[in-house]
Amino acid sequence: ALHERLVAAVPGLTLNGHPDERLPNTLNVSFPSVGGR
């Protein structure tokens, strides 16, 4: 649900990691055009 809300609000957001074989609590995403820090 967090991923879906971010995808809807941030065009170009990308997932890092396996889409399915992944820990159920972990979401690593890249925000376009800005630094994570």
PDB file of all heavy atoms in Angstrom:
ATOM      1  N   ALA A   1       0.839  -1.208   0.000  1.00  0.00           N
ATOM      2  CA  ALA A   1       0.000   0.000   0.000  1.00  0.00           C
ATOM      3  C   ALA A   1       0.870   1.252   0.000  1.00  0.00           C
ATOM      4  O   ALA A   1       0.567   2.231  -0.698  1.00  0.00           O
ATOM      5  CB  ALA A   1      -0.910  -0.010   1.230  1.00  0.00           C
ATOM      6  N   LEU A   2       1.956   1.223   0.750  1.00  0.00           N
ATOM      7  CA  LEU A   2       2.893   2.343   0.748  1.00  0.00           C
ATOM      8  C   LEU A   2       3.491   2.541  -0.641  1.00  0.00           C
ATOM      9  O   LEU A   2       3.587   3.671  -1.137  1.00  0.00           O
ATOM     10  CB  LEU A   2       4.000   2.065   1.773  1.00  0.00           C
ATOM     11  CG  LEU A   2       5.160   3.055   1.839  1.00  0.00           C
ATOM     12  CD1 LEU A   2       4.677   4.456   2.182  1.00  0.00           C
ATOM     13  CD2 LEU A   2       6.200   2.581   2.870  1.00  0.00           C
ATOM     14  N   HIS A   3       3.887   1.441  -1.252  1.00  0.00           N
ATOM     15  CA  HIS A   3       4.454   1.515  -2.599  1.00  0.00           C
ATOM     16  C   HIS A   3       3.455   2.111  -3.582  1.00  0.00           C
ATOM     17  O   HIS A   3       3.787   2.996  -4.389  1.00  0.00           O
ATOM     18  CB  HIS A   3       4.879   0.111  -3.046  1.00  0.00           C
ATOM     19  CG  HIS A   3       5.685   0.098  -4.302  1.00  0.00           C
ATOM     20  ND1 HIS A   3       5.886  -1.032  -5.044  1.00  0.00           N
ATOM     21  CD2 HIS A   3       6.345   1.094  -4.962  1.00  0.00           C
ATOM     22  CE1 HIS A   3       6.629  -0.742  -6.096  1.00  0.00           C
ATOM     23  NE2 HIS A   3       6.920   0.544  -6.068  1.00  0.00           N
ATOM     24  N   GLU A   4       2.215   1.652  -3.524  1.00  0.00           N
ATOM     25  CA  GLU A   4       1.192   2.140  -4.452  1.00  0.00           C
ATOM     26  C   GLU A   4       0.944   3.631  -4.271  1.00  0.00           C
ATOM     27  O   GLU A   4       0.787   4.373  -5.261  1.00  0.00           O
ATOM     28  CB  GLU A   4      -0.106   1.351  -4.240  1.00  0.00           C
ATOM     29  CG  GLU A   4      -0.026  -0.095  -4.707  1.00  0.00           C
ATOM     30  CD  GLU A   4      -1.218  -0.920  -4.258  1.00  0.00           C
ATOM     31  OE1 GLU A   4      -2.165  -0.324  -3.680  1.00  0.00           O
ATOM     32  OE2 GLU A   4      -1.200  -2.146  -4.465  1.00  0.00           O
ATOM     33  N   ARG A   5       0.910   4.088  -3.030  1.00  0.00           N
ATOM     34  CA  ARG A   5       0.684   5.524  -2.788  1.00  0.00           C
ATOM     35  C   ARG A   5       1.855   6.349  -3.320  1.00  0.00           C
ATOM     36  O   ARG A   5       1.649   7.434  -3.890  1.00  0.00           O
ATOM     37  CB  ARG A   5       0.493   5.781  -1.296  1.00  0.00           C
ATOM     38  CG  ARG A   5      -0.812   5.230  -0.731  1.00  0.00           C
ATOM     39  CD  ARG A   5      -0.937   5.539   0.758  1.00  0.00           C
ATOM     40  NE  ARG A   5      -1.256   6.938   0.977  1.00  0.00           N
ATOM     41  CZ  ARG A   5      -2.496   7.420   1.098  1.00  0.00           C
ATOM     42  NH1 ARG A   5      -3.538   6.605   1.000  1.00  0.00           N
ATOM     43  NH2 ARG A   5      -2.705   8.709   1.314  1.00  0.00           N
ATOM     44  N   LEU A   6       3.069   5.851  -3.162  1.00  0.00           N
ATOM     45  CA  LEU A   6       4.228   6.586  -3.654  1.00  0.00           C
ATOM     46  C   LEU A   6       4.278   6.601  -5.182  1.00  0.00           C
ATOM     47  O   LEU A   6       4.601   7.621  -5.793  1.00  0.00           O
ATOM     48  CB  LEU A   6       5.514   5.984  -3.085  1.00  0.00           C
ATOM     49  CG  LEU A   6       5.759   6.220  -1.594  1.00  0.00           C
ATOM     50  CD1 LEU A   6       6.978   5.445  -1.115  1.00  0.00           C
ATOM     51  CD2 LEU A   6       5.927   7.717  -1.302  1.00  0.00           C
ATOM     52  N   VAL A   7       3.964   5.465  -5.797  1.00  0.00           N
ATOM     53  CA  VAL A   7       3.941   5.407  -7.260  1.00  0.00           C
ATOM     54  C   VAL A   7       2.926   6.394  -7.822  1.00  0.00           C
ATOM     55  O   VAL A   7       3.179   7.077  -8.834  1.00  0.00           O
ATOM     56  CB  VAL A   7       3.623   3.975  -7.727  1.00  0.00           C
ATOM     57  CG1 VAL A   7       3.261   3.948  -9.206  1.00  0.00           C
ATOM     58  CG2 VAL A   7       4.804   3.046  -7.464  1.00  0.00           C
ATOM     59  N   ALA A   8       1.760   6.491  -7.170  1.00  0.00           N
ATOM     60  CA  ALA A   8       0.717   7.402  -7.644  1.00  0.00           C
ATOM     61  C   ALA A   8       1.121   8.863  -7.496  1.00  0.00           C
ATOM     62  O   ALA A   8       0.720   9.712  -8.307  1.00  0.00           O
ATOM     63  CB  ALA A   8      -0.579   7.137  -6.878  1.00  0.00           C
ATOM     64  N   ALA A   9       1.925   9.162  -6.482  1.00  0.00           N
ATOM     65  CA  ALA A   9       2.261  10.556  -6.199  1.00  0.00           C
ATOM     66  C   ALA A   9       3.585  11.003  -6.803  1.00  0.00           C
ATOM     67  O   ALA A   9       3.809  12.212  -6.963  1.00  0.00           O
ATOM     68  CB  ALA A   9       2.304  10.769  -4.684  1.00  0.00           C
ATOM     69  N   VAL A  10       4.450  10.045  -7.145  1.00  0.00           N
ATOM     70  CA  VAL A  10       5.798  10.380  -7.619  1.00  0.00           C
ATOM     71  C   VAL A  10       6.032   9.721  -8.975  1.00  0.00           C
ATOM     72  O   VAL A  10       6.448   8.558  -9.053  1.00  0.00           O
ATOM     73  CB  VAL A  10       6.874   9.916  -6.609  1.00  0.00           C
ATOM     74  CG1 VAL A  10       8.266  10.296  -7.110  1.00  0.00           C
ATOM     75  CG2 VAL A  10       6.613  10.489  -5.227  1.00  0.00           C
ATOM     76  N   PRO A  11       5.780  10.415 -10.075  1.00  0.00           N
ATOM     77  CA  PRO A  11       6.028   9.837 -11.405  1.00  0.00           C
ATOM     78  C   PRO A  11       7.511   9.473 -11.563  1.00  0.00           C
ATOM     79  O   PRO A  11       8.389  10.256 -11.208  1.00  0.00           O
ATOM     80  CB  PRO A  11       5.639  10.967 -12.363  1.00  0.00           C
ATOM     81  CG  PRO A  11       4.718  11.842 -11.575  1.00  0.00           C
ATOM     82  CD  PRO A  11       5.201  11.760 -10.152  1.00  0.00           C
ATOM     83  N   GLY A  12       7.771   8.279 -12.071  1.00  0.00           N
ATOM     84  CA  GLY A  12       9.145   7.854 -12.282  1.00  0.00           C
ATOM     85  C   GLY A  12       9.776   7.153 -11.101  1.00  0.00           C
ATOM     86  O   GLY A  12      10.954   6.774 -11.163  1.00  0.00           O
ATOM     87  N   LEU A  13       9.030   6.960 -10.012  1.00  0.00           N
ATOM     88  CA  LEU A  13       9.553   6.206  -8.871  1.00  0.00           C
ATOM     89  C   LEU A  13       9.873   4.778  -9.305  1.00  0.00           C
ATOM     90  O   LEU A  13       9.105   4.151 -10.016  1.00  0.00           O
ATOM     91  CB  LEU A  13       8.509   6.178  -7.751  1.00  0.00           C
ATOM     92  CG  LEU A  13       8.955   5.562  -6.432  1.00  0.00           C
ATOM     93  CD1 LEU A  13       9.578   6.619  -5.543  1.00  0.00           C
ATOM     94  CD2 LEU A  13       7.760   4.918  -5.715  1.00  0.00           C
ATOM     95  N   THR A  14      11.021   4.243  -8.882  1.00  0.00           N
ATOM     96  CA  THR A  14      11.418   2.898  -9.294  1.00  0.00           C
ATOM     97  C   THR A  14      11.715   2.030  -8.080  1.00  0.00           C
ATOM     98  O   THR A  14      12.258   2.492  -7.075  1.00  0.00           O
ATOM     99  CB  THR A  14      12.666   2.927 -10.203  1.00  0.00           C
ATOM    100  OG1 THR A  14      13.684   3.700  -9.567  1.00  0.00           O
ATOM    101  CG2 THR A  14      12.336   3.535 -11.553  1.00  0.00           C
ATOM    102  N   LEU A  15      11.351   0.764  -8.194  1.00  0.00           N
ATOM    103  CA  LEU A  15      11.596  -0.216  -7.136  1.00  0.00           C
ATOM    104  C   LEU A  15      12.999  -0.790  -7.285  1.00  0.00           C
ATOM    105  O   LEU A  15      13.425  -1.156  -8.383  1.00  0.00           O
ATOM    106  CB  LEU A  15      10.564  -1.341  -7.226  1.00  0.00           C
ATOM    107  CG  LEU A  15      10.773  -2.534  -6.285  1.00  0.00           C
ATOM    108  CD1 LEU A  15      10.511  -2.117  -4.843  1.00  0.00           C
ATOM    109  CD2 LEU A  15       9.876  -3.699  -6.687  1.00  0.00           C
ATOM    110  N   ASN A  16      13.703  -0.923  -6.168  1.00  0.00           N
ATOM    111  CA  ASN A  16      15.009  -1.584  -6.135  1.00  0.00           C
ATOM    112  C   ASN A  16      14.865  -2.891  -5.364  1.00  0.00           C
ATOM    113  O   ASN A  16      14.416  -2.895  -4.220  1.00  0.00           O
ATOM    114  CB  ASN A  16      16.043  -0.685  -5.455  1.00  0.00           C
ATOM    115  CG  ASN A  16      16.195   0.650  -6.151  1.00  0.00           C
ATOM    116  OD1 ASN A  16      16.269   0.721  -7.373  1.00  0.00           O
ATOM    117  ND2 ASN A  16      16.238   1.729  -5.373  1.00  0.00           N
ATOM    118  N   GLY A  17      15.245  -3.992  -5.991  1.00  0.00           N
ATOM    119  CA  GLY A  17      15.104  -5.293  -5.343  1.00  0.00           C
ATOM    120  C   GLY A  17      14.170  -6.180  -6.132  1.00  0.00           C
ATOM    121  O   GLY A  17      13.580  -5.771  -7.136  1.00  0.00           O
ATOM    122  N   HIS A  18      14.021  -7.412  -5.673  1.00  0.00           N
ATOM    123  CA  HIS A  18      13.171  -8.366  -6.370  1.00  0.00           C
ATOM    124  C   HIS A  18      11.704  -8.011  -6.142  1.00  0.00           C
ATOM    125  O   HIS A  18      11.299  -7.721  -5.009  1.00  0.00           O
ATOM    126  CB  HIS A  18      13.451  -9.779  -5.865  1.00  0.00           C
ATOM    127  CG  HIS A  18      12.991 -10.847  -6.807  1.00  0.00           C
ATOM    128  ND1 HIS A  18      11.651 -11.163  -6.967  1.00  0.00           N
ATOM    129  CD2 HIS A  18      13.671 -11.667  -7.641  1.00  0.00           C
ATOM    130  CE1 HIS A  18      11.540 -12.134  -7.853  1.00  0.00           C
ATOM    131  NE2 HIS A  18      12.745 -12.449  -8.286  1.00  0.00           N
ATOM    132  N   PRO A  19      10.877  -8.014  -7.194  1.00  0.00           N
ATOM    133  CA  PRO A  19       9.476  -7.628  -7.023  1.00  0.00           C
ATOM    134  C   PRO A  19       8.680  -8.599  -6.155  1.00  0.00           C
ATOM    135  O   PRO A  19       7.691  -8.198  -5.523  1.00  0.00           O
ATOM    136  CB  PRO A  19       8.938  -7.598  -8.455  1.00  0.00           C
ATOM    137  CG  PRO A  19       9.866  -8.468  -9.234  1.00  0.00           C
ATOM    138  CD  PRO A  19      11.209  -8.321  -8.600  1.00  0.00           C
ATOM    139  N   ASP A  20       9.083  -9.863  -6.114  1.00  0.00           N
ATOM    140  CA  ASP A  20       8.321 -10.873  -5.370  1.00  0.00           C
ATOM    141  C   ASP A  20       9.140 -11.526  -4.262  1.00  0.00           C
ATOM    142  O   ASP A  20       8.673 -11.643  -3.126  1.00  0.00           O
ATOM    143  CB  ASP A  20       7.807 -11.956  -6.328  1.00  0.00           C
ATOM    144  CG  ASP A  20       6.957 -11.376  -7.435  1.00  0.00           C
ATOM    145  OD1 ASP A  20       6.036 -10.596  -7.124  1.00  0.00           O
ATOM    146  OD2 ASP A  20       7.229 -11.675  -8.614  1.00  0.00           O
ATOM    147  N   GLU A  21      10.342 -11.999  -4.584  1.00  0.00           N
ATOM    148  CA  GLU A  21      11.189 -12.693  -3.603  1.00  0.00           C
ATOM    149  C   GLU A  21      11.910 -11.655  -2.751  1.00  0.00           C
ATOM    150  O   GLU A  21      13.074 -11.357  -2.940  1.00  0.00           O
ATOM    151  CB  GLU A  21      12.184 -13.607  -4.321  1.00  0.00           C
ATOM    152  CG  GLU A  21      11.543 -14.701  -5.151  1.00  0.00           C
ATOM    153  CD  GLU A  21      10.711 -15.633  -4.289  1.00  0.00           C
ATOM    154  OE1 GLU A  21      11.175 -15.994  -3.179  1.00  0.00           O
ATOM    155  OE2 GLU A  21       9.594 -15.998  -4.699  1.00  0.00           O
ATOM    156  N   ARG A  22      11.164 -11.141  -1.780  1.00  0.00           N
ATOM    157  CA  ARG A  22      11.650 -10.008  -0.991  1.00  0.00           C
ATOM    158  C   ARG A  22      11.059 -10.093   0.407  1.00  0.00           C
ATOM    159  O   ARG A  22       9.966 -10.648   0.598  1.00  0.00           O
ATOM    160  CB  ARG A  22      11.220  -8.710  -1.680  1.00  0.00           C
ATOM    161  CG  ARG A  22      11.657  -7.431  -1.038  1.00  0.00           C
ATOM    162  CD  ARG A  22      11.549  -6.261  -2.049  1.00  0.00           C
ATOM    163  NE  ARG A  22      10.368  -6.317  -2.876  1.00  0.00           N
ATOM    164  CZ  ARG A  22       9.330  -5.471  -2.765  1.00  0.00           C
ATOM    165  NH1 ARG A  22       9.318  -4.532  -1.835  1.00  0.00           N
ATOM    166  NH2 ARG A  22       8.299  -5.571  -3.575  1.00  0.00           N
ATOM    167  N   LEU A  23      11.761  -9.579   1.388  1.00  0.00           N
ATOM    168  CA  LEU A  23      11.221  -9.532   2.744  1.00  0.00           C
ATOM    169  C   LEU A  23       9.879  -8.802   2.735  1.00  0.00           C
ATOM    170  O   LEU A  23       9.736  -7.776   2.053  1.00  0.00           O
ATOM    171  CB  LEU A  23      12.190  -8.807   3.679  1.00  0.00           C
ATOM    172  CG  LEU A  23      13.490  -9.525   4.016  1.00  0.00           C
ATOM    173  CD1 LEU A  23      14.402  -8.593   4.810  1.00  0.00           C
ATOM    174  CD2 LEU A  23      13.229 -10.804   4.793  1.00  0.00           C
ATOM    175  N   PRO A  24       8.906  -9.283   3.482  1.00  0.00           N
ATOM    176  CA  PRO A  24       7.569  -8.687   3.416  1.00  0.00           C
ATOM    177  C   PRO A  24       7.489  -7.273   3.969  1.00  0.00           C
ATOM    178  O   PRO A  24       6.503  -6.571   3.702  1.00  0.00           O
ATOM    179  CB  PRO A  24       6.721  -9.647   4.263  1.00  0.00           C
ATOM    180  CG  PRO A  24       7.690 -10.316   5.175  1.00  0.00           C
ATOM    181  CD  PRO A  24       8.955 -10.448   4.385  1.00  0.00           C
ATOM    182  N   ASN A  25       8.500  -6.850   4.706  1.00  0.00           N
ATOM    183  CA  ASN A  25       8.440  -5.527   5.334  1.00  0.00           C
ATOM    184  C   ASN A  25       9.292  -4.479   4.632  1.00  0.00           C
ATOM    185  O   ASN A  25       9.322  -3.328   5.069  1.00  0.00           O
ATOM    186  CB  ASN A  25       8.915  -5.630   6.789  1.00  0.00           C
ATOM    187  CG  ASN A  25      10.430  -5.710   6.890  1.00  0.00           C
ATOM    188  OD1 ASN A  25      11.079  -6.433   6.134  1.00  0.00           O
ATOM    189  ND2 ASN A  25      10.999  -4.958   7.805  1.00  0.00           N
ATOM    190  N   THR A  26       9.994  -4.845   3.565  1.00  0.00           N
ATOM    191  CA  THR A  26      11.038  -3.971   3.017  1.00  0.00           C
ATOM    192  C   THR A  26      10.659  -3.384   1.664  1.00  0.00           C
ATOM    193  O   THR A  26      10.258  -4.109   0.752  1.00  0.00           O
ATOM    194  CB  THR A  26      12.368  -4.752   2.896  1.00  0.00           C
ATOM    195  OG1 THR A  26      12.706  -5.301   4.174  1.00  0.00           O
ATOM    196  CG2 THR A  26      13.492  -3.847   2.416  1.00  0.00           C
ATOM    197  N   LEU A  27      10.830  -2.066   1.558  1.00  0.00           N
ATOM    198  CA  LEU A  27      10.567  -1.346   0.310  1.00  0.00           C
ATOM    199  C   LEU A  27      11.719  -0.374   0.071  1.00  0.00           C
ATOM    200  O   LEU A  27      11.905   0.583   0.812  1.00  0.00           O
ATOM    201  CB  LEU A  27       9.242  -0.581   0.401  1.00  0.00           C
ATOM    202  CG  LEU A  27       8.878   0.290  -0.805  1.00  0.00           C
ATOM    203  CD1 LEU A  27       8.619  -0.570  -2.045  1.00  0.00           C
ATOM    204  CD2 LEU A  27       7.656   1.154  -0.502  1.00  0.00           C
ATOM    205  N   ASN A  28      12.512  -0.637  -0.971  1.00  0.00           N
ATOM    206  CA  ASN A  28      13.592   0.252  -1.358  1.00  0.00           C
ATOM    207  C   ASN A  28      13.223   0.858  -2.706  1.00  0.00           C
ATOM    208  O   ASN A  28      13.046   0.138  -3.686  1.00  0.00           O
ATOM    209  CB  ASN A  28      14.917  -0.516  -1.453  1.00  0.00           C
ATOM    210  CG  ASN A  28      16.116   0.408  -1.643  1.00  0.00           C
ATOM    211  OD1 ASN A  28      16.155   1.196  -2.582  1.00  0.00           O
ATOM    212  ND2 ASN A  28      17.089   0.290  -0.760  1.00  0.00           N
ATOM    213  N   VAL A  29      13.081   2.176  -2.736  1.00  0.00           N
ATOM    214  CA  VAL A  29      12.668   2.857  -3.963  1.00  0.00           C
ATOM    215  C   VAL A  29      13.587   4.039  -4.237  1.00  0.00           C
ATOM    216  O   VAL A  29      14.161   4.625  -3.319  1.00  0.00           O
ATOM    217  CB  VAL A  29      11.204   3.357  -3.872  1.00  0.00           C
ATOM    218  CG1 VAL A  29      10.232   2.191  -3.912  1.00  0.00           C
ATOM    219  CG2 VAL A  29      10.985   4.199  -2.623  1.00  0.00           C
ATOM    220  N   SER A  30      13.702   4.374  -5.516  1.00  0.00           N
ATOM    221  CA  SER A  30      14.484   5.543  -5.926  1.00  0.00           C
ATOM    222  C   SER A  30      13.545   6.647  -6.371  1.00  0.00           C
ATOM    223  O   SER A  30      12.665   6.435  -7.230  1.00  0.00           O
ATOM    224  CB  SER A  30      15.431   5.181  -7.071  1.00  0.00           C
ATOM    225  OG  SER A  30      16.505   4.397  -6.610  1.00  0.00           O
ATOM    226  N   PHE A  31      13.729   7.828  -5.786  1.00  0.00           N
ATOM    227  CA  PHE A  31      12.962   9.013  -6.165  1.00  0.00           C
ATOM    228  C   PHE A  31      13.710   9.727  -7.286  1.00  0.00           C
ATOM    229  O   PHE A  31      14.903  10.006  -7.145  1.00  0.00           O
ATOM    230  CB  PHE A  31      12.797   9.940  -4.963  1.00  0.00           C
ATOM    231  CG  PHE A  31      11.851   9.433  -3.916  1.00  0.00           C
ATOM    232  CD1 PHE A  31      12.244   8.447  -3.031  1.00  0.00           C
ATOM    233  CD2 PHE A  31      10.558   9.927  -3.823  1.00  0.00           C
ATOM    234  CE1 PHE A  31      11.378   7.967  -2.057  1.00  0.00           C
ATOM    235  CE2 PHE A  31       9.676   9.458  -2.864  1.00  0.00           C
ATOM    236  CZ  PHE A  31      10.085   8.467  -1.973  1.00  0.00           C
ATOM    237  N   PRO A  32      13.049  10.023  -8.392  1.00  0.00           N
ATOM    238  CA  PRO A  32      13.746  10.627  -9.531  1.00  0.00           C
ATOM    239  C   PRO A  32      14.120  12.088  -9.285  1.00  0.00           C
ATOM    240  O   PRO A  32      13.414  12.819  -8.590  1.00  0.00           O
ATOM    241  CB  PRO A  32      12.712  10.517 -10.661  1.00  0.00           C
ATOM    242  CG  PRO A  32      11.389  10.520  -9.964  1.00  0.00           C
ATOM    243  CD  PRO A  32      11.618   9.788  -8.666  1.00  0.00           C
ATOM    244  N   SER A  33      15.265  12.465  -9.827  1.00  0.00           N
ATOM    245  CA  SER A  33      15.707  13.876  -9.900  1.00  0.00           C
ATOM    246  C   SER A  33      16.075  14.487  -8.555  1.00  0.00           C
ATOM    247  O   SER A  33      16.335  15.700  -8.487  1.00  0.00           O
ATOM    248  CB  SER A  33      14.625  14.749 -10.559  1.00  0.00           C
ATOM    249  OG  SER A  33      14.255  14.218 -11.822  1.00  0.00           O
ATOM    250  N   VAL A  34      16.094  13.704  -7.472  1.00  0.00           N
ATOM    251  CA  VAL A  34      16.498  14.250  -6.175  1.00  0.00           C
ATOM    252  C   VAL A  34      17.427  13.250  -5.496  1.00  0.00           C
ATOM    253  O   VAL A  34      17.436  12.064  -5.821  1.00  0.00           O
ATOM    254  CB  VAL A  34      15.285  14.530  -5.252  1.00  0.00           C
ATOM    255  CG1 VAL A  34      14.295  15.466  -5.917  1.00  0.00           C
ATOM    256  CG2 VAL A  34      14.607  13.236  -4.834  1.00  0.00           C
ATOM    257  N   GLY A  35      18.221  13.740  -4.553  1.00  0.00           N
ATOM    258  CA  GLY A  35      19.071  12.859  -3.775  1.00  0.00           C
ATOM    259  C   GLY A  35      18.312  12.330  -2.567  1.00  0.00           C
ATOM    260  O   GLY A  35      17.532  13.064  -1.938  1.00  0.00           O
ATOM    261  N   GLY A  36      18.525  11.066  -2.248  1.00  0.00           N
ATOM    262  CA  GLY A  36      17.846  10.486  -1.106  1.00  0.00           C
ATOM    263  C   GLY A  36      18.162  11.213   0.187  1.00  0.00           C
ATOM    264  O   GLY A  36      17.295  11.413   1.042  1.00  0.00           O
ATOM    265  N   ARG A  37      19.407  11.634   0.349  1.00  0.00           N
ATOM    266  CA  ARG A  37      19.803  12.341   1.566  1.00  0.00           C
ATOM    267  C   ARG A  37      19.072  13.673   1.688  1.00  0.00           C
ATOM    268  O   ARG A  37      18.634  14.056   2.785  1.00  0.00           O
ATOM    269  CB  ARG A  37      21.321  12.547   1.578  1.00  0.00           C
ATOM    270  CG  ARG A  37      21.875  12.978   2.915  1.00  0.00           C
ATOM    271  CD  ARG A  37      23.392  12.897   2.924  1.00  0.00           C
ATOM    272  NE  ARG A  37      23.851  11.539   2.677  1.00  0.00           N
ATOM    273  CZ  ARG A  37      23.909  10.598   3.613  1.00  0.00           C
ATOM    274  NH1 ARG A  37      23.515  10.880   4.845  1.00  0.00           N
ATOM    275  NH2 ARG A  37      24.345   9.395   3.327  1.00  0.00           N
TER     276      ARG A  37
END
